[in-house]
């Protein structure tokens, strides 16, 4: 979620890549939800410059803040019960309106891989947990993904109009349609 990343590090890494300077890429262990220690696991860097293409991907990449009024009503039970005063959703929104703008400013072409609906997103994350022999149960995954529901629904409603490419995905994660090649 926005507010949980080292945005300054992300900006510094992307700035170095854009400038063609060598840079060590940070590593993240999704299973433990923590950065990897330098030298742990596959080494990612330093990357020599110049770089022609950088793919910067993530669940919330390119997200923009919502208007304040949209934050008033909870979108699910998690927000209703764990964030009744809206403190967490306002914090995430402030991150999108503030520091994340500098990070997302590096995005030259925004591509939205658009799932069929939010229920499918939950099923995909549950399947990924099973495939990875992860520690979370289906119910724990659903609770975890509930943190992303508001931003996911917001992205789904507003990003298609400003994305450079929208790729609708089927329930099996396959691309349902791609634009024709320019002639």
N, C-alpha and C. Protein backbone atom coordinates (compact mmCIF):
# COMPACT_ATOMS: atom_id res chain seq x y z
N UNK A 1 0.83 -1.19 0.00
CA UNK A 1 0.00 0.00 0.00
C UNK A 1 0.87 1.24 0.00
N UNK A 2 0.42 2.28 -0.66
CA UNK A 2 1.14 3.55 -0.55
C UNK A 2 1.30 3.92 0.92
N UNK A 3 2.51 4.32 1.25
CA UNK A 3 2.85 4.62 2.64
C UNK A 3 3.68 3.53 3.27
N UNK A 4 3.89 2.44 2.55
CA UNK A 4 4.67 1.32 3.10
C UNK A 4 5.99 1.11 2.35
N UNK A 5 6.33 1.99 1.45
CA UNK A 5 7.53 1.84 0.64
C UNK A 5 8.56 2.90 1.00
N UNK A 6 9.79 2.65 0.63
CA UNK A 6 10.85 3.65 0.75
C UNK A 6 10.83 4.45 -0.55
N UNK A 7 9.98 5.46 -0.59
CA UNK A 7 9.78 6.25 -1.81
C UNK A 7 11.06 6.97 -2.21
N UNK A 8 11.78 7.50 -1.26
CA UNK A 8 13.03 8.22 -1.58
C UNK A 8 14.02 7.27 -2.26
N UNK A 9 14.11 6.04 -1.79
CA UNK A 9 14.99 5.06 -2.43
C UNK A 9 14.50 4.76 -3.85
N UNK A 10 13.21 4.60 -4.03
CA UNK A 10 12.66 4.35 -5.36
C UNK A 10 12.97 5.47 -6.32
N UNK A 11 12.80 6.70 -5.86
CA UNK A 11 13.10 7.87 -6.70
C UNK A 11 14.58 7.89 -7.04
N UNK A 12 15.44 7.61 -6.06
CA UNK A 12 16.89 7.63 -6.31
C UNK A 12 17.29 6.55 -7.32
N UNK A 13 16.73 5.36 -7.20
CA UNK A 13 17.07 4.27 -8.12
C UNK A 13 16.59 4.61 -9.53
N UNK A 14 15.35 5.05 -9.65
CA UNK A 14 14.83 5.38 -10.98
C UNK A 14 15.58 6.56 -11.59
N UNK A 15 15.92 7.55 -10.79
CA UNK A 15 16.69 8.70 -11.30
C UNK A 15 18.05 8.24 -11.83
N UNK A 16 18.69 7.33 -11.12
CA UNK A 16 19.99 6.82 -11.57
C UNK A 16 19.83 6.05 -12.88
N UNK A 17 18.79 5.23 -12.98
CA UNK A 17 18.56 4.48 -14.22
C UNK A 17 18.30 5.42 -15.39
N UNK A 18 17.48 6.43 -15.18
CA UNK A 18 17.17 7.39 -16.24
C UNK A 18 18.43 8.15 -16.66
N UNK A 19 19.29 8.47 -15.70
CA UNK A 19 20.52 9.22 -15.98
C UNK A 19 21.62 8.33 -16.55
N UNK A 20 21.40 7.01 -16.58
CA UNK A 20 22.42 6.11 -17.11
C UNK A 20 23.54 5.81 -16.16
N UNK A 21 23.33 6.09 -14.86
CA UNK A 21 24.35 5.79 -13.85
C UNK A 21 24.17 4.37 -13.33
N UNK A 22 25.26 3.68 -13.04
CA UNK A 22 25.14 2.35 -12.42
C UNK A 22 24.43 2.46 -11.07
N UNK A 23 23.59 1.49 -10.76
CA UNK A 23 22.86 1.52 -9.49
C UNK A 23 22.53 0.10 -9.06
N UNK A 24 22.65 -0.14 -7.76
CA UNK A 24 22.23 -1.43 -7.21
C UNK A 24 20.72 -1.40 -7.02
N UNK A 25 20.06 -2.45 -7.46
CA UNK A 25 18.61 -2.52 -7.33
C UNK A 25 18.23 -3.08 -5.96
N UNK A 26 17.29 -2.43 -5.30
CA UNK A 26 16.84 -2.98 -4.01
C UNK A 26 16.10 -4.29 -4.24
N UNK A 27 16.13 -5.15 -3.24
CA UNK A 27 15.46 -6.45 -3.31
C UNK A 27 14.40 -6.50 -2.23
N UNK A 28 13.31 -7.19 -2.52
CA UNK A 28 12.21 -7.31 -1.56
C UNK A 28 11.77 -8.76 -1.51
N UNK A 29 11.56 -9.26 -0.32
CA UNK A 29 11.10 -10.63 -0.12
C UNK A 29 9.60 -10.59 0.15
N UNK A 30 8.81 -10.93 -0.86
CA UNK A 30 7.36 -10.86 -0.74
C UNK A 30 6.84 -11.82 0.33
N UNK A 31 7.49 -12.96 0.49
CA UNK A 31 7.04 -13.95 1.47
C UNK A 31 7.12 -13.42 2.90
N UNK A 32 8.16 -12.62 3.19
CA UNK A 32 8.30 -12.09 4.55
C UNK A 32 7.85 -10.64 4.64
N UNK A 33 7.45 -10.06 3.52
CA UNK A 33 7.01 -8.67 3.46
C UNK A 33 8.07 -7.73 4.03
N UNK A 34 9.33 -7.96 3.59
CA UNK A 34 10.43 -7.16 4.11
C UNK A 34 11.53 -7.04 3.06
N UNK A 35 12.29 -5.93 3.11
CA UNK A 35 13.45 -5.83 2.21
C UNK A 35 14.45 -6.93 2.52
N UNK A 36 15.15 -7.38 1.49
CA UNK A 36 16.22 -8.35 1.69
C UNK A 36 17.48 -7.62 2.10
N UNK A 37 18.28 -8.28 2.91
CA UNK A 37 19.56 -7.71 3.30
C UNK A 37 20.44 -7.64 2.06
N UNK A 38 21.30 -6.62 1.96
CA UNK A 38 22.22 -6.56 0.82
C UNK A 38 23.00 -7.85 0.69
N UNK A 39 23.05 -8.38 -0.51
CA UNK A 39 23.78 -9.62 -0.77
C UNK A 39 22.96 -10.88 -0.55
N UNK A 40 21.77 -10.77 0.04
CA UNK A 40 20.94 -11.95 0.28
C UNK A 40 20.17 -12.30 -0.99
N UNK A 41 20.16 -13.56 -1.32
CA UNK A 41 19.42 -14.00 -2.49
C UNK A 41 20.13 -13.58 -3.76
N UNK A 42 19.43 -13.70 -4.89
CA UNK A 42 20.05 -13.29 -6.16
C UNK A 42 20.46 -11.82 -6.10
N UNK A 43 21.64 -11.56 -6.54
CA UNK A 43 22.15 -10.19 -6.53
C UNK A 43 21.54 -9.42 -7.69
N UNK A 44 21.08 -8.25 -7.41
CA UNK A 44 20.47 -7.41 -8.44
C UNK A 44 21.20 -6.08 -8.50
N UNK A 45 22.37 -6.09 -9.06
CA UNK A 45 23.05 -4.84 -9.25
C UNK A 45 24.52 -4.96 -8.91
N UNK A 46 25.30 -3.92 -9.13
CA UNK A 46 24.77 -2.72 -9.76
C UNK A 46 24.45 -2.94 -11.24
N UNK A 47 23.42 -2.28 -11.68
CA UNK A 47 23.02 -2.33 -13.08
C UNK A 47 23.82 -1.26 -13.81
N UNK A 48 24.56 -1.66 -14.84
CA UNK A 48 25.31 -0.64 -15.58
C UNK A 48 24.36 0.17 -16.45
N UNK A 49 24.70 1.41 -16.67
CA UNK A 49 23.88 2.24 -17.55
C UNK A 49 24.50 2.27 -18.93
N UNK A 50 23.89 2.84 -19.91
CA UNK A 50 22.51 3.32 -19.86
C UNK A 50 21.51 2.18 -20.07
N UNK A 51 20.30 2.40 -19.64
CA UNK A 51 19.21 1.43 -19.73
C UNK A 51 18.18 1.98 -20.72
N UNK A 52 17.73 1.14 -21.63
CA UNK A 52 16.73 1.59 -22.61
C UNK A 52 15.31 1.52 -22.07
N UNK A 53 15.00 0.46 -21.33
CA UNK A 53 13.63 0.25 -20.84
C UNK A 53 13.69 -0.23 -19.40
N UNK A 54 12.86 0.35 -18.55
CA UNK A 54 12.70 -0.09 -17.17
C UNK A 54 11.23 -0.41 -16.98
N UNK A 55 10.95 -1.62 -16.55
CA UNK A 55 9.58 -1.99 -16.21
C UNK A 55 9.42 -1.83 -14.71
N UNK A 56 8.53 -0.95 -14.34
CA UNK A 56 8.26 -0.65 -12.93
C UNK A 56 6.84 -1.10 -12.67
N UNK A 57 6.68 -2.22 -11.95
CA UNK A 57 5.35 -2.77 -11.78
C UNK A 57 4.99 -2.89 -10.32
N UNK A 58 3.72 -2.90 -10.07
CA UNK A 58 3.22 -3.08 -8.72
C UNK A 58 1.73 -2.85 -8.68
N UNK A 59 1.12 -3.31 -7.62
CA UNK A 59 -0.34 -3.26 -7.49
C UNK A 59 -0.87 -1.83 -7.62
N UNK A 60 -0.17 -0.87 -7.06
CA UNK A 60 -0.69 0.50 -7.00
C UNK A 60 0.09 1.49 -7.85
N UNK A 61 0.97 1.01 -8.72
CA UNK A 61 1.79 1.93 -9.52
C UNK A 61 0.87 2.81 -10.38
N UNK A 62 1.11 4.10 -10.29
CA UNK A 62 0.34 5.06 -11.07
C UNK A 62 -0.95 5.51 -10.42
N UNK A 63 -1.28 4.97 -9.26
CA UNK A 63 -2.52 5.36 -8.58
C UNK A 63 -2.48 6.83 -8.21
N UNK A 64 -3.64 7.45 -8.20
CA UNK A 64 -3.77 8.86 -7.80
C UNK A 64 -4.71 8.95 -6.61
N UNK A 65 -4.59 10.03 -5.89
CA UNK A 65 -5.42 10.25 -4.71
C UNK A 65 -6.89 10.42 -5.11
N UNK A 66 -7.75 10.03 -4.18
CA UNK A 66 -9.18 10.25 -4.35
C UNK A 66 -9.55 11.62 -3.77
N UNK A 67 -10.69 12.13 -4.16
CA UNK A 67 -11.19 13.35 -3.52
C UNK A 67 -11.57 13.00 -2.09
N UNK A 68 -11.44 13.95 -1.19
CA UNK A 68 -11.68 13.69 0.23
C UNK A 68 -13.06 13.10 0.50
N UNK A 69 -14.07 13.58 -0.18
CA UNK A 69 -15.43 13.09 0.05
C UNK A 69 -15.57 11.60 -0.24
N UNK A 70 -14.76 11.08 -1.15
CA UNK A 70 -14.83 9.66 -1.50
C UNK A 70 -14.31 8.77 -0.38
N UNK A 71 -13.59 9.34 0.58
CA UNK A 71 -13.01 8.56 1.66
C UNK A 71 -13.96 8.37 2.84
N UNK A 72 -15.08 9.06 2.84
CA UNK A 72 -15.97 9.08 4.00
C UNK A 72 -16.54 7.71 4.34
N UNK A 73 -17.10 7.03 3.36
CA UNK A 73 -17.77 5.75 3.63
C UNK A 73 -16.80 4.59 3.46
N UNK A 74 -16.80 3.64 4.40
CA UNK A 74 -15.96 2.46 4.24
C UNK A 74 -16.40 1.62 3.04
N UNK A 75 -15.43 0.96 2.38
CA UNK A 75 -15.76 0.12 1.22
C UNK A 75 -15.94 -1.34 1.60
N UNK A 76 -15.53 -1.71 2.82
CA UNK A 76 -15.63 -3.11 3.24
C UNK A 76 -15.63 -3.18 4.77
N UNK A 77 -15.75 -4.39 5.27
CA UNK A 77 -15.77 -4.60 6.71
C UNK A 77 -14.49 -4.20 7.40
N UNK A 78 -13.36 -4.38 6.74
CA UNK A 78 -12.08 -3.99 7.33
C UNK A 78 -12.07 -2.49 7.62
N UNK A 79 -12.44 -1.69 6.63
CA UNK A 79 -12.46 -0.25 6.86
C UNK A 79 -13.51 0.12 7.90
N UNK A 80 -14.65 -0.52 7.85
CA UNK A 80 -15.71 -0.22 8.82
C UNK A 80 -15.26 -0.51 10.25
N UNK A 81 -14.61 -1.68 10.44
CA UNK A 81 -14.27 -2.11 11.80
C UNK A 81 -12.90 -1.64 12.27
N UNK A 82 -11.90 -1.62 11.39
CA UNK A 82 -10.53 -1.29 11.80
C UNK A 82 -10.15 0.15 11.51
N UNK A 83 -10.93 0.85 10.70
CA UNK A 83 -10.61 2.24 10.35
C UNK A 83 -11.90 3.08 10.36
N UNK A 84 -12.65 3.03 11.46
CA UNK A 84 -13.95 3.71 11.46
C UNK A 84 -13.85 5.22 11.29
N UNK A 85 -12.75 5.82 11.73
CA UNK A 85 -12.60 7.27 11.58
C UNK A 85 -11.90 7.67 10.28
N UNK A 86 -11.50 6.68 9.47
CA UNK A 86 -10.89 6.96 8.17
C UNK A 86 -9.45 7.39 8.23
N UNK A 87 -8.80 7.22 9.37
CA UNK A 87 -7.41 7.68 9.52
C UNK A 87 -6.48 6.98 8.52
N UNK A 88 -6.60 5.64 8.40
CA UNK A 88 -5.73 4.89 7.50
C UNK A 88 -5.98 5.28 6.06
N UNK A 89 -7.24 5.36 5.64
CA UNK A 89 -7.51 5.69 4.24
C UNK A 89 -7.08 7.12 3.91
N UNK A 90 -7.18 8.05 4.87
CA UNK A 90 -6.68 9.41 4.61
C UNK A 90 -5.16 9.43 4.53
N UNK A 91 -4.48 8.60 5.34
CA UNK A 91 -3.02 8.50 5.28
C UNK A 91 -2.57 7.99 3.91
N UNK A 92 -3.18 6.90 3.43
CA UNK A 92 -2.83 6.34 2.13
C UNK A 92 -3.08 7.39 1.05
N UNK A 93 -4.20 8.07 1.12
CA UNK A 93 -4.54 9.09 0.14
C UNK A 93 -3.52 10.23 0.15
N UNK A 94 -3.09 10.64 1.34
CA UNK A 94 -2.08 11.71 1.45
C UNK A 94 -0.75 11.27 0.85
N UNK A 95 -0.42 9.99 0.98
CA UNK A 95 0.81 9.48 0.37
C UNK A 95 0.72 9.58 -1.15
N UNK A 96 -0.43 9.22 -1.70
CA UNK A 96 -0.61 9.32 -3.16
C UNK A 96 -0.56 10.77 -3.63
N UNK A 97 -1.11 11.67 -2.84
CA UNK A 97 -1.11 13.09 -3.21
C UNK A 97 0.25 13.73 -2.99
N UNK A 98 1.10 13.10 -2.17
CA UNK A 98 2.39 13.68 -1.82
C UNK A 98 3.55 12.92 -2.41
N UNK A 99 4.27 12.15 -1.59
CA UNK A 99 5.54 11.55 -2.02
C UNK A 99 5.44 10.64 -3.23
N UNK A 100 4.34 9.92 -3.39
CA UNK A 100 4.24 8.98 -4.51
C UNK A 100 4.14 9.68 -5.86
N UNK A 101 3.74 10.93 -5.86
CA UNK A 101 3.69 11.67 -7.14
C UNK A 101 5.08 11.75 -7.75
N UNK A 102 6.11 11.97 -6.92
CA UNK A 102 7.49 12.04 -7.43
C UNK A 102 7.94 10.69 -7.97
N UNK A 103 7.54 9.62 -7.30
CA UNK A 103 7.90 8.28 -7.76
C UNK A 103 7.21 7.95 -9.08
N UNK A 104 5.91 8.20 -9.15
CA UNK A 104 5.15 7.87 -10.35
C UNK A 104 5.43 8.82 -11.51
N UNK A 105 6.09 9.93 -11.24
CA UNK A 105 6.46 10.86 -12.31
C UNK A 105 7.46 10.22 -13.28
N UNK A 106 8.12 9.16 -12.86
CA UNK A 106 9.06 8.46 -13.73
C UNK A 106 8.35 7.57 -14.76
N UNK A 107 7.07 7.36 -14.59
CA UNK A 107 6.33 6.48 -15.50
C UNK A 107 6.05 7.24 -16.80
N UNK A 108 6.66 6.76 -17.89
CA UNK A 108 6.44 7.38 -19.20
C UNK A 108 5.22 6.81 -19.90
N UNK A 109 5.00 5.52 -19.73
CA UNK A 109 3.87 4.83 -20.37
C UNK A 109 3.19 4.00 -19.30
N UNK A 110 1.94 4.29 -19.05
CA UNK A 110 1.19 3.60 -18.01
C UNK A 110 0.34 2.49 -18.63
N UNK A 111 0.58 1.27 -18.19
CA UNK A 111 -0.16 0.11 -18.69
C UNK A 111 -0.97 -0.46 -17.52
N UNK A 112 -2.25 -0.60 -17.73
CA UNK A 112 -3.14 -1.16 -16.72
C UNK A 112 -3.54 -2.57 -17.13
N UNK A 113 -3.13 -3.54 -16.33
CA UNK A 113 -3.61 -4.91 -16.50
C UNK A 113 -4.87 -4.99 -15.64
N UNK A 114 -6.03 -5.05 -16.31
CA UNK A 114 -7.32 -4.86 -15.63
C UNK A 114 -8.03 -6.19 -15.38
N UNK A 115 -8.10 -6.61 -14.11
CA UNK A 115 -8.80 -7.85 -13.78
C UNK A 115 -10.30 -7.70 -14.00
N UNK A 116 -11.01 -8.82 -14.13
CA UNK A 116 -12.45 -8.74 -14.38
C UNK A 116 -13.22 -8.06 -13.24
N UNK A 117 -12.81 -8.29 -12.00
CA UNK A 117 -13.48 -7.71 -10.85
C UNK A 117 -12.62 -7.95 -9.61
N UNK A 118 -13.02 -7.36 -8.50
CA UNK A 118 -12.20 -7.47 -7.30
C UNK A 118 -12.25 -8.89 -6.71
N UNK A 119 -13.36 -9.57 -6.83
CA UNK A 119 -13.46 -10.94 -6.33
C UNK A 119 -12.43 -11.84 -7.02
N UNK A 120 -12.18 -11.59 -8.28
CA UNK A 120 -11.17 -12.37 -9.01
C UNK A 120 -9.78 -12.09 -8.47
N UNK A 121 -9.51 -10.85 -8.11
CA UNK A 121 -8.22 -10.48 -7.53
C UNK A 121 -7.99 -11.28 -6.24
N UNK A 122 -9.02 -11.39 -5.42
CA UNK A 122 -8.90 -12.15 -4.17
C UNK A 122 -8.58 -13.61 -4.49
N UNK A 123 -9.29 -14.19 -5.45
CA UNK A 123 -9.04 -15.60 -5.82
C UNK A 123 -7.61 -15.78 -6.35
N UNK A 124 -7.14 -14.85 -7.17
CA UNK A 124 -5.77 -14.94 -7.70
C UNK A 124 -4.76 -14.92 -6.57
N UNK A 125 -4.94 -14.05 -5.60
CA UNK A 125 -3.99 -13.94 -4.49
C UNK A 125 -4.04 -15.20 -3.62
N UNK A 126 -5.23 -15.74 -3.44
CA UNK A 126 -5.35 -16.99 -2.69
C UNK A 126 -4.64 -18.13 -3.42
N UNK A 127 -4.79 -18.20 -4.72
CA UNK A 127 -4.11 -19.24 -5.51
C UNK A 127 -2.60 -19.07 -5.45
N UNK A 128 -2.12 -17.84 -5.49
CA UNK A 128 -0.68 -17.58 -5.40
C UNK A 128 -0.14 -18.06 -4.05
N UNK A 129 -0.90 -17.86 -3.01
CA UNK A 129 -0.48 -18.30 -1.68
C UNK A 129 -0.38 -19.83 -1.64
N UNK A 130 -1.34 -20.51 -2.23
CA UNK A 130 -1.32 -21.98 -2.27
C UNK A 130 -0.12 -22.45 -3.10
N UNK A 131 0.08 -21.83 -4.26
CA UNK A 131 1.19 -22.22 -5.14
C UNK A 131 2.55 -22.05 -4.47
N UNK A 132 2.67 -21.05 -3.62
CA UNK A 132 3.94 -20.76 -2.95
C UNK A 132 4.06 -21.47 -1.60
N UNK A 133 3.09 -22.34 -1.30
CA UNK A 133 3.06 -22.98 0.02
C UNK A 133 3.16 -21.95 1.13
N UNK A 134 2.46 -20.83 0.93
CA UNK A 134 2.50 -19.73 1.88
C UNK A 134 1.80 -20.04 3.18
N UNK A 135 2.08 -19.22 4.16
CA UNK A 135 1.52 -19.47 5.49
C UNK A 135 0.08 -19.00 5.68
N UNK A 136 -0.46 -18.19 4.75
CA UNK A 136 -1.80 -17.64 4.95
C UNK A 136 -2.89 -18.58 4.45
N UNK A 137 -3.95 -18.65 5.22
CA UNK A 137 -5.14 -19.39 4.79
C UNK A 137 -5.92 -18.52 3.82
N UNK A 138 -6.93 -19.11 3.18
CA UNK A 138 -7.77 -18.33 2.26
C UNK A 138 -8.42 -17.16 2.98
N UNK A 139 -8.88 -17.37 4.20
CA UNK A 139 -9.50 -16.29 4.96
C UNK A 139 -8.49 -15.19 5.29
N UNK A 140 -7.26 -15.58 5.63
CA UNK A 140 -6.23 -14.58 5.92
C UNK A 140 -5.86 -13.78 4.67
N UNK A 141 -5.82 -14.45 3.54
CA UNK A 141 -5.55 -13.75 2.29
C UNK A 141 -6.66 -12.75 2.00
N UNK A 142 -7.90 -13.18 2.16
CA UNK A 142 -9.03 -12.28 1.92
C UNK A 142 -8.95 -11.06 2.83
N UNK A 143 -8.58 -11.26 4.08
CA UNK A 143 -8.43 -10.14 5.02
C UNK A 143 -7.29 -9.22 4.59
N UNK A 144 -6.18 -9.82 4.14
CA UNK A 144 -5.03 -9.03 3.67
C UNK A 144 -5.42 -8.20 2.44
N UNK A 145 -6.06 -8.84 1.49
CA UNK A 145 -6.42 -8.16 0.24
C UNK A 145 -7.46 -7.07 0.47
N UNK A 146 -8.24 -7.19 1.53
CA UNK A 146 -9.22 -6.14 1.84
C UNK A 146 -8.56 -4.78 2.02
N UNK A 147 -7.29 -4.77 2.44
CA UNK A 147 -6.56 -3.51 2.56
C UNK A 147 -6.42 -2.81 1.20
N UNK A 148 -6.44 -3.58 0.12
CA UNK A 148 -6.23 -3.05 -1.22
C UNK A 148 -7.53 -2.79 -1.98
N UNK A 149 -8.65 -3.11 -1.37
CA UNK A 149 -9.92 -3.00 -2.10
C UNK A 149 -10.22 -1.57 -2.53
N UNK A 150 -10.11 -0.62 -1.63
CA UNK A 150 -10.43 0.77 -1.97
C UNK A 150 -9.57 1.26 -3.13
N UNK A 151 -8.27 1.09 -3.03
CA UNK A 151 -7.39 1.60 -4.07
C UNK A 151 -7.59 0.84 -5.38
N UNK A 152 -7.87 -0.46 -5.29
CA UNK A 152 -8.12 -1.25 -6.50
C UNK A 152 -9.37 -0.78 -7.21
N UNK A 153 -10.42 -0.54 -6.46
CA UNK A 153 -11.68 -0.07 -7.07
C UNK A 153 -11.50 1.34 -7.66
N UNK A 154 -10.73 2.16 -6.97
CA UNK A 154 -10.47 3.52 -7.48
C UNK A 154 -9.66 3.45 -8.78
N UNK A 155 -8.62 2.62 -8.80
CA UNK A 155 -7.82 2.43 -10.01
C UNK A 155 -8.71 1.95 -11.15
N UNK A 156 -9.56 0.98 -10.87
CA UNK A 156 -10.44 0.43 -11.90
C UNK A 156 -11.40 1.47 -12.46
N UNK A 157 -11.81 2.41 -11.63
CA UNK A 157 -12.78 3.41 -12.10
C UNK A 157 -12.15 4.59 -12.82
N UNK A 158 -10.91 4.96 -12.45
CA UNK A 158 -10.36 6.18 -13.04
C UNK A 158 -9.16 5.97 -13.96
N UNK A 159 -8.37 4.92 -13.75
CA UNK A 159 -7.14 4.77 -14.51
C UNK A 159 -7.35 4.44 -15.99
N UNK A 160 -8.38 3.68 -16.36
CA UNK A 160 -8.53 3.38 -17.79
C UNK A 160 -8.59 4.62 -18.68
N UNK A 161 -9.13 5.70 -18.18
CA UNK A 161 -9.24 6.92 -18.98
C UNK A 161 -7.90 7.62 -19.20
N UNK A 162 -6.91 7.35 -18.37
CA UNK A 162 -5.62 8.03 -18.52
C UNK A 162 -4.47 7.10 -18.82
N UNK A 163 -4.69 5.79 -18.77
CA UNK A 163 -3.62 4.84 -19.07
C UNK A 163 -3.29 4.86 -20.56
N UNK A 164 -2.05 4.61 -20.88
CA UNK A 164 -1.64 4.53 -22.28
C UNK A 164 -2.12 3.24 -22.91
N UNK A 165 -2.28 2.21 -22.11
CA UNK A 165 -2.74 0.92 -22.60
C UNK A 165 -3.51 0.24 -21.48
N UNK A 166 -4.70 -0.25 -21.80
CA UNK A 166 -5.51 -1.03 -20.86
C UNK A 166 -5.64 -2.43 -21.44
N UNK A 167 -5.19 -3.42 -20.67
CA UNK A 167 -5.27 -4.81 -21.10
C UNK A 167 -6.28 -5.52 -20.20
N UNK A 168 -7.49 -5.79 -20.71
CA UNK A 168 -8.45 -6.53 -19.89
C UNK A 168 -8.00 -7.97 -19.74
N UNK A 169 -8.09 -8.48 -18.52
CA UNK A 169 -7.67 -9.84 -18.22
C UNK A 169 -8.88 -10.73 -17.98
N UNK A 170 -8.76 -11.98 -18.38
CA UNK A 170 -9.81 -12.95 -18.11
C UNK A 170 -9.60 -13.58 -16.75
N UNK A 171 -10.55 -14.39 -16.31
CA UNK A 171 -10.44 -15.04 -15.00
C UNK A 171 -9.18 -15.91 -14.85
N UNK A 172 -8.61 -16.34 -15.98
CA UNK A 172 -7.39 -17.15 -15.95
C UNK A 172 -6.13 -16.31 -16.11
N UNK A 173 -6.25 -15.01 -16.02
CA UNK A 173 -5.18 -14.01 -16.14
C UNK A 173 -4.71 -13.78 -17.58
N UNK A 174 -5.38 -14.38 -18.55
CA UNK A 174 -4.98 -14.18 -19.94
C UNK A 174 -5.51 -12.83 -20.43
N UNK A 175 -4.76 -12.23 -21.36
CA UNK A 175 -5.19 -10.99 -21.96
C UNK A 175 -6.37 -11.27 -22.89
N UNK A 176 -7.47 -10.54 -22.68
CA UNK A 176 -8.66 -10.76 -23.50
C UNK A 176 -8.58 -9.96 -24.80
N UNK A 177 -7.87 -8.86 -24.79
CA UNK A 177 -7.78 -8.04 -25.99
C UNK A 177 -6.52 -7.18 -25.90
N UNK A 178 -5.89 -7.03 -27.03
CA UNK A 178 -4.76 -6.12 -27.14
C UNK A 178 -5.02 -5.21 -28.32
N UNK A 179 -4.55 -3.97 -28.25
CA UNK A 179 -4.77 -3.07 -29.38
C UNK A 179 -4.03 -3.58 -30.61
N UNK A 180 -4.54 -3.23 -31.77
CA UNK A 180 -3.90 -3.61 -33.01
C UNK A 180 -2.56 -2.87 -33.12
N UNK A 181 -1.62 -3.51 -33.78
CA UNK A 181 -0.31 -2.88 -34.03
C UNK A 181 -0.52 -1.66 -34.92
N UNK A 182 0.21 -0.59 -34.65
CA UNK A 182 0.10 0.57 -35.55
C UNK A 182 0.56 0.20 -36.95
N UNK A 183 -0.12 0.68 -37.95
CA UNK A 183 0.17 0.32 -39.34
C UNK A 183 1.19 1.16 -39.92
